[in-house]
Amino acid sequence: MASNITTSQTIGPFPHEAWRWGIDASSALVSSAPTVTISGVIRDGNGAPINDGWIEAWLPDAVAAESAQAIPGFRRIPSNDDGAFCIEVSLPTPATAGKPLLFATIFARGLVKHQFTAVFLEDDSGLAQSEILAQVPADRRATLIARKLGDAQYHWDIWMQTDKETVFFDYV
């Protein structure tokens, strides 16, 4: 009898061991461009931190600046015991106004299918002209925008449910 379970239906009990290669390949950033750090917490529908979540980040505009990386423009980051994560990101040069800084895939326990989202920086001068943000209801756009905390530091939380739920995209 054939199984209907696919790899997109669960991350299984062993991603910390099986996905270690991706963490190792992307943990030490080597970049010729300026960098910023985006930190936050992955939260479930009750607001509790998700301590076994994963973020895969793709930074298409950073590939050239990260040519010395094992996988340029890629990050794999697990959340810690408090649900926190931290991603160091190369800024594209020149910056492309209104374009996401990164695209992210979110994996977590109990999540039947991984989720896709994008992250913009709060101080991007092109947010009002962004083709992607224009497709998102105005009252939900803030869930895609990392808030500036200080010099090269941003904060962005991921909410899996509730009225604070991060906007997730479907790809067809």
Protein backbone atom coordinates (compact mmCIF):
# COMPACT_ATOMS: atom_id res chain seq x y z
CA MET A 1 0.00 0.00 0.00
CA ALA A 2 1.42 3.41 -0.99
CA SER A 3 1.81 6.11 1.61
CA ASN A 4 0.19 9.52 1.22
CA ILE A 5 2.75 11.17 3.50
CA THR A 6 5.23 13.47 1.79
CA THR A 7 8.25 15.32 3.10
CA SER A 8 6.29 18.58 3.11
CA GLN A 9 3.86 17.20 5.69
CA THR A 10 6.27 17.00 8.62
CA ILE A 11 9.77 17.99 9.58
CA GLY A 12 9.98 14.79 11.59
CA PRO A 13 11.80 14.25 14.87
CA PHE A 14 15.36 14.58 13.55
CA PRO A 15 15.88 17.89 11.72
CA HIS A 16 18.51 19.10 14.19
CA GLU A 17 20.80 16.27 13.11
CA ALA A 18 19.73 15.90 9.49
CA TRP A 19 19.81 19.61 8.66
CA ARG A 20 23.06 20.41 10.51
CA TRP A 21 24.96 20.68 7.21
CA GLY A 22 22.86 23.73 6.25
CA ILE A 23 23.58 25.45 9.54
CA ASP A 24 27.29 24.73 9.22
CA ALA A 25 27.36 25.95 5.61
CA SER A 26 25.67 29.26 6.45
CA SER A 27 26.60 30.16 10.03
CA ALA A 28 29.80 32.16 9.47
CA LEU A 29 28.98 34.98 7.06
CA VAL A 30 31.68 35.99 4.58
CA SER A 31 30.44 39.02 2.66
CA SER A 32 31.87 41.88 0.65
CA ALA A 33 28.76 43.98 1.39
CA PRO A 34 27.53 45.71 4.55
CA THR A 35 25.45 43.41 6.76
CA VAL A 36 22.47 43.70 9.09
CA THR A 37 21.12 41.35 11.73
CA ILE A 38 17.46 40.38 11.95
CA SER A 39 16.41 38.75 15.22
CA GLY A 40 13.06 37.68 16.55
CA VAL A 41 10.94 34.88 18.00
CA ILE A 42 8.78 32.25 16.30
CA ARG A 43 5.45 32.02 18.17
CA ASP A 44 2.49 29.65 18.00
CA GLY A 45 -1.18 30.60 18.13
CA ASN A 46 -1.10 31.00 21.91
CA GLY A 47 1.91 33.29 21.78
CA ALA A 48 4.21 30.59 23.16
CA PRO A 49 7.70 30.43 21.66
CA ILE A 50 8.31 27.58 19.23
CA ASN A 51 11.59 26.08 20.40
CA ASP A 52 12.05 23.66 17.52
CA GLY A 53 11.26 25.83 14.53
CA TRP A 54 13.45 26.37 11.50
CA ILE A 55 13.95 29.23 9.09
CA GLU A 56 15.48 28.79 5.67
CA ALA A 57 16.30 32.18 4.24
CA TRP A 58 17.08 32.91 0.61
CA LEU A 59 18.74 36.20 -0.29
CA PRO A 60 18.87 36.33 -4.09
CA ASP A 61 20.39 39.82 -4.21
CA ALA A 62 23.19 38.84 -1.80
CA VAL A 63 24.64 36.00 -3.89
CA ALA A 64 27.35 38.11 -5.54
CA ALA A 65 28.47 39.65 -2.23
CA GLU A 66 28.63 36.19 -0.65
CA SER A 67 30.59 34.38 -3.35
CA ALA A 68 33.02 33.07 -0.70
CA GLN A 69 30.16 31.34 1.19
CA ALA A 70 29.61 27.60 0.83
CA ILE A 71 26.06 28.41 -0.34
CA PRO A 72 25.86 32.11 -1.26
CA GLY A 73 22.55 33.76 -0.38
CA PHE A 74 21.33 30.92 1.85
CA ARG A 75 20.80 30.61 5.62
CA ARG A 76 19.37 27.79 7.71
CA ILE A 77 18.64 28.82 11.28
CA PRO A 78 16.95 26.84 14.06
CA SER A 79 15.07 28.62 16.82
CA ASN A 80 16.57 28.23 20.28
CA ASP A 81 14.91 27.07 23.52
CA ASP A 82 13.15 30.46 23.79
CA GLY A 83 11.94 30.38 20.17
CA ALA A 84 14.50 33.04 19.24
CA PHE A 85 16.45 33.23 16.00
CA CYS A 86 19.07 35.54 14.54
CA ILE A 87 19.95 35.95 10.85
CA GLU A 88 22.93 37.94 9.60
CA VAL A 89 22.14 39.29 6.15
CA SER A 90 24.22 40.91 3.41
CA LEU A 91 22.69 44.10 2.09
CA PRO A 92 22.41 44.18 -1.69
CA THR A 93 24.55 46.81 -3.35
CA PRO A 94 22.96 48.83 -4.72
CA ALA A 95 19.81 48.30 -2.68
CA THR A 96 16.67 47.55 -4.67
CA ALA A 97 13.93 49.73 -3.19
CA GLY A 98 10.68 47.95 -2.43
CA LYS A 99 12.09 44.46 -2.81
CA PRO A 100 12.24 41.95 0.07
CA LEU A 101 15.61 41.64 1.74
CA LEU A 102 15.02 37.92 2.06
CA PHE A 103 12.49 35.20 1.38
CA ALA A 104 11.93 32.70 4.18
CA THR A 105 10.49 29.23 4.54
CA ILE A 106 9.26 28.36 8.03
CA PHE A 107 9.25 24.79 9.36
CA ALA A 108 7.93 23.77 12.79
CA ARG A 109 6.44 20.87 14.73
CA GLY A 110 2.78 20.39 14.07
CA LEU A 111 3.01 22.45 10.90
CA VAL A 112 1.55 20.19 8.24
CA LYS A 113 3.06 22.22 5.40
CA HIS A 114 5.97 24.64 5.61
CA GLN A 115 5.10 28.30 5.12
CA PHE A 116 6.61 30.91 2.80
CA THR A 117 7.05 34.58 3.64
CA ALA A 118 9.25 37.59 2.89
CA VAL A 119 11.00 40.22 4.99
CA PHE A 120 11.37 43.91 4.23
CA LEU A 121 13.36 46.45 6.23
CA GLU A 122 11.43 49.27 7.90
CA ASP A 123 13.74 51.95 6.52
CA ASP A 124 13.46 50.80 2.89
CA SER A 125 12.50 53.94 0.95
CA GLY A 126 10.54 51.90 -1.59
CA LEU A 127 8.01 50.16 0.69
CA ALA A 128 5.12 52.24 -0.64
CA GLN A 129 5.99 51.16 -4.21
CA SER A 130 6.61 47.47 -3.45
CA GLU A 131 4.76 45.19 -5.87
CA ILE A 132 4.70 42.41 -3.28
CA LEU A 133 3.44 44.55 -0.39
CA ALA A 134 0.77 46.03 -2.67
CA GLN A 135 -0.79 42.55 -2.85
CA VAL A 136 -1.09 42.34 0.94
CA PRO A 137 -3.95 44.08 2.79
CA ALA A 138 -2.61 47.32 4.31
CA ASP A 139 -3.42 46.23 7.88
CA ARG A 140 -1.32 43.04 7.46
CA ARG A 141 1.81 44.49 5.82
CA ALA A 142 3.54 45.20 9.14
CA THR A 143 3.92 41.43 9.67
CA LEU A 144 6.46 41.42 6.82
CA ILE A 145 8.50 44.40 7.98
CA ALA A 146 11.51 44.11 10.29
CA ARG A 147 11.62 47.08 12.69
CA LYS A 148 14.89 48.95 13.08
CA LEU A 149 16.34 48.68 16.60
CA GLY A 150 19.66 50.40 16.07
CA ASP A 151 22.62 50.52 13.78
CA ALA A 152 22.38 47.41 11.54
CA GLN A 153 19.94 45.71 13.98
CA TYR A 154 16.33 44.79 13.15
CA HIS A 155 13.55 42.88 14.91
CA TRP A 156 10.97 40.65 13.19
CA ASP A 157 8.74 38.13 14.96
CA ILE A 158 7.03 35.24 13.20
CA TRP A 159 3.51 34.44 14.40
CA MET A 160 2.07 31.18 13.09
CA GLN A 161 -1.56 32.03 14.01
CA THR A 162 -3.84 34.66 15.65
CA ASP A 163 -4.64 38.16 14.48
CA LYS A 164 -0.87 38.81 14.57
CA GLU A 165 -0.19 35.96 12.12
CA THR A 166 2.66 36.66 9.73
CA VAL A 167 1.54 36.92 6.12
CA PHE A 168 2.37 33.66 4.37
CA PHE A 169 2.32 33.28 0.59
CA ASP A 170 1.11 30.50 -1.67
CA TYR A 171 3.14 29.72 -4.77
CA VAL A 172 1.32 28.33 -7.74
